Protein backbone atom coordinates (compact mmCIF):
# COMPACT_ATOMS: atom_id res chain seq x y z
CA MET A 1 -0.04 -0.04 0.12
CA LEU A 2 3.26 2.42 0.55
CA PRO A 3 3.75 2.41 -3.56
CA MET A 4 0.49 3.54 -4.25
CA VAL A 5 0.34 6.09 -1.41
CA ASP A 6 3.93 7.17 -2.71
CA GLY A 7 2.92 7.41 -6.11
CA LEU A 8 -0.66 9.06 -5.44
CA LEU A 9 1.70 11.53 -3.56
CA ASN A 10 3.97 12.06 -6.99
CA TYR A 11 1.37 12.33 -8.84
CA GLY A 12 -0.05 14.95 -6.98
CA LYS A 13 2.83 17.37 -7.31
CA ARG A 14 3.32 16.65 -10.81
CA ALA A 15 -0.62 17.84 -11.09
CA VAL A 16 0.14 20.84 -8.90
CA GLU A 17 3.53 21.55 -10.44
CA ALA A 18 1.57 21.72 -14.42
CA ALA A 19 -1.31 23.91 -13.21
CA ARG A 20 1.30 26.39 -11.89
CA TYR A 21 3.19 26.60 -15.16
CA ILE A 22 -0.42 26.77 -17.02
CA GLY A 23 -1.15 29.62 -14.56
CA GLN A 24 1.97 31.27 -15.38
CA GLY A 25 1.39 31.07 -19.22
CA PHE A 26 -2.10 32.07 -18.71
CA THR A 27 -1.10 35.27 -16.74
CA ILE A 28 1.65 35.86 -19.83
CA THR A 29 -1.33 35.78 -22.60
CA LEU A 30 -3.50 37.71 -20.35
CA ASP A 31 -0.92 40.64 -20.03
CA HIS A 32 -0.34 40.51 -23.61
CA MET A 33 -3.95 40.78 -23.92
CA ASN A 34 -4.46 43.81 -22.18
CA ARG A 35 -1.59 45.78 -24.34
CA LEU A 36 -2.42 48.33 -27.51
CA PRO A 37 -1.62 46.73 -30.85
CA THR A 38 2.04 47.50 -32.00
CA THR A 39 1.23 46.46 -35.76
CA VAL A 40 1.10 49.37 -38.02
CA GLN A 41 -1.38 48.89 -40.88
CA TYR A 42 1.45 50.22 -43.43
CA PRO A 43 -0.41 51.82 -46.53
CA TYR A 44 -2.74 54.02 -44.46
CA GLU A 45 -0.27 54.29 -40.96
CA LYS A 46 2.96 55.12 -41.29
CA LEU A 47 5.81 55.78 -38.64
CA ILE A 48 7.52 58.83 -38.34
CA PRO A 49 11.40 58.13 -38.77
CA SER A 50 14.04 59.04 -36.37
CA GLU A 51 15.76 62.22 -36.72
CA ARG A 52 19.03 60.56 -38.28
CA PHE A 53 17.02 58.04 -40.26
CA ARG A 54 19.00 57.27 -43.84
CA GLY A 55 16.38 57.28 -46.70
CA ARG A 56 16.62 58.06 -50.38
CA ILE A 57 19.18 60.51 -50.90
CA HIS A 58 18.82 64.30 -52.45
CA PHE A 59 20.69 65.67 -54.69
CA GLU A 60 20.77 69.50 -55.19
CA PHE A 61 22.34 70.22 -58.99
CA ASP A 62 23.19 73.70 -58.47
CA LYS A 63 25.66 73.37 -55.83
CA CYS A 64 27.97 70.16 -57.03
CA ILE A 65 31.28 71.30 -57.99
CA ALA A 66 32.16 68.01 -59.52
CA CYS A 67 34.78 67.07 -56.93
CA GLU A 68 34.05 63.06 -56.78
CA VAL A 69 34.71 63.36 -52.74
CA CYS A 70 31.41 61.10 -52.71
CA VAL A 71 32.56 58.67 -55.20
CA ARG A 72 35.84 58.20 -53.15
CA VAL A 73 34.61 57.72 -49.75
CA CYS A 74 31.80 55.61 -50.71
CA PRO A 75 32.17 51.80 -49.64
CA ILE A 76 30.94 50.52 -53.02
CA ASN A 77 32.04 53.54 -55.50
CA LEU A 78 28.04 54.12 -56.33
CA PRO A 79 27.61 57.32 -57.20
CA VAL A 80 28.40 57.98 -61.14
CA VAL A 81 29.63 61.58 -61.66
CA ASP A 82 29.77 62.90 -65.40
CA TRP A 83 31.46 66.40 -65.81
CA GLU A 84 33.49 68.15 -68.36
CA PHE A 85 36.35 70.74 -67.86
CA ARG A 86 35.46 74.30 -69.35
CA ARG A 87 38.53 75.93 -70.03
CA ASN A 88 37.22 79.55 -70.61
CA VAL A 89 36.44 79.46 -66.67
CA GLY A 90 38.42 76.78 -65.57
CA LYS A 91 36.35 74.76 -63.91
CA LYS A 92 34.52 71.49 -63.70
CA GLN A 93 30.84 71.61 -64.99
CA LEU A 94 28.70 69.05 -63.77
CA LYS A 95 26.50 67.61 -66.78
CA SER A 96 25.09 64.27 -64.81
CA TYR A 97 24.84 62.96 -61.34
CA THR A 98 23.61 59.41 -60.75
CA ILE A 99 22.93 56.73 -57.59
CA ASP A 100 21.25 53.33 -57.92
CA PHE A 101 19.70 52.79 -54.84
CA GLY A 102 19.51 48.72 -55.75
CA VAL A 103 23.08 48.89 -54.85
CA CYS A 104 23.38 51.61 -52.45
CA ILE A 105 24.00 50.20 -49.01
CA PHE A 106 22.34 53.53 -47.19
CA CYS A 107 25.95 54.40 -45.09
CA GLY A 108 25.83 58.04 -45.44
CA ASN A 109 29.18 58.89 -46.15
CA CYS A 110 28.64 60.42 -49.37
CA VAL A 111 26.37 62.88 -47.31
CA GLU A 112 28.67 63.20 -44.68
CA TYR A 113 31.90 64.31 -46.96
CA CYS A 114 30.31 66.42 -49.03
CA PRO A 115 32.28 69.65 -49.03
CA THR A 116 29.53 71.79 -50.99
CA ASN A 117 26.46 69.80 -48.76
CA CYS A 118 24.58 69.19 -52.06
CA LEU A 119 23.92 65.63 -50.63
CA SER A 120 21.49 65.26 -47.72
CA MET A 121 19.45 62.27 -46.63
CA THR A 122 15.40 62.12 -46.74
CA GLU A 123 12.59 60.44 -44.23
CA GLU A 124 11.88 58.33 -47.84
CA TYR A 125 12.15 54.55 -47.71
CA GLU A 126 9.17 53.60 -50.43
CA LEU A 127 11.85 52.31 -52.60
CA SER A 128 9.97 49.35 -53.49
CA THR A 129 9.73 48.71 -57.61
CA TYR A 130 9.14 45.52 -59.71
CA ASP A 131 11.95 46.53 -61.94
CA ARG A 132 15.51 47.03 -60.51
CA HIS A 133 16.55 49.23 -63.33
CA GLU A 134 14.31 52.04 -62.04
CA LEU A 135 16.28 52.36 -58.75
CA ASN A 136 18.98 54.32 -60.76
CA TYR A 137 18.30 57.56 -59.78
CA ASP A 138 19.17 60.46 -61.67
CA GLN A 139 19.79 63.93 -61.22
CA ILE A 140 16.49 64.93 -61.42
CA ALA A 141 14.77 61.76 -59.52
CA LEU A 142 16.73 62.69 -56.96
CA GLY A 143 16.80 66.48 -56.71
CA ARG A 144 12.84 65.66 -55.82
CA LEU A 145 12.17 66.01 -52.36
CA PRO A 146 9.52 63.70 -51.18
CA ILE A 147 6.53 64.66 -49.06
CA PRO A 148 7.40 64.78 -44.94
CA ILE A 149 5.55 61.83 -43.32
CA ALA A 150 4.41 63.93 -40.67
CA ARG A 151 2.60 66.22 -43.37
CA ASP A 152 1.21 64.01 -45.95
CA GLU A 153 -2.92 63.79 -45.30
CA THR A 154 -3.38 61.04 -47.14
CA ILE A 155 -2.20 58.62 -43.98
CA GLN A 156 -1.77 58.57 -40.19
CA SER A 157 1.48 58.96 -38.40
CA ILE A 158 2.63 57.23 -35.46
CA PRO A 159 5.72 59.35 -33.86
CA ASN A 160 8.24 57.20 -32.72
CA LEU A 161 6.84 53.25 -32.09
CA VAL A 162 9.38 50.75 -31.55
CA SER A 163 8.29 48.83 -29.01
CA LEU A 164 6.30 49.33 -25.90
CA SER A 165 6.70 48.57 -22.46
CA LYS A 166 4.18 47.00 -20.60
CA GLY A 167 1.70 49.34 -19.69
CA PHE A 168 3.26 52.46 -21.66
CA ILE A 169 0.47 53.79 -24.74
CA GLU A 170 1.73 57.07 -24.94
CA GLY A 171 3.37 56.30 -28.27
CA HIS A 172 0.07 55.19 -29.61
CA ILE A 173 -2.22 57.51 -31.34
CA ASP A 174 -6.26 56.05 -31.79
CA SER A 175 -8.01 56.75 -35.05
CA LYS A 176 -10.08 59.62 -33.11
CA SER A 177 -6.80 61.83 -32.74
CA VAL A 178 -5.04 62.06 -36.14
CA ILE A 179 -2.41 64.52 -36.20
CA HIS A 180 -2.37 67.01 -39.55
CA ASN A 181 -0.21 69.20 -38.96
C-alpha cells in the first residue's frame, strides 16, 4: 500500500506543478491581451522615422562642384559623376549625377563628406519596385523632395513607435486623434 500512496503523492505534486506552469503561461497571455497592438496598418498608417534616419538621398544639382569626393568615400564607388572641364572658366561643370539605390547601402558617407552639402538624406523609405532598373536615379529624380510623413494628409502618422513596454501607451495614436500639420 505504501508504493500506491507514494505514487499518488508524486502524481499530486506533478499535477500541482503542471497547473502552476499553465497558470504562468495564462498570466503572460492575459498580460499581452491587455496591451495595445503594435502592428501598423502600413499603407494607411506610417511610423515617423527617427531624426537620423537614412533614407533616399536628395541631390541639389546647382551646389555640386563635381569634386567626386562622394565617389571616393563610398565603400562601393556608387555615385556616377559625369562632368566636363570648361577651359574658359577653368572649372569642372557637372553634366549628370546618378545613384543606383538597388546597390546603395545607405551608409551616409557621401552626405557626410560632401564639401558643398549638395547631398542630404531624406526620410523616404518607399523604394520598392518591380524592375530594379527603376532604382537608378538621375539628378532629376534625386532632386525631388518627398512629402514628409508628418505632413502627408493621406496617412495617419504614428510617432516613434519602436516597442512599448508593459503598460506604456503614450506612443500610440488612436483613430480619433489623427495628427494633421
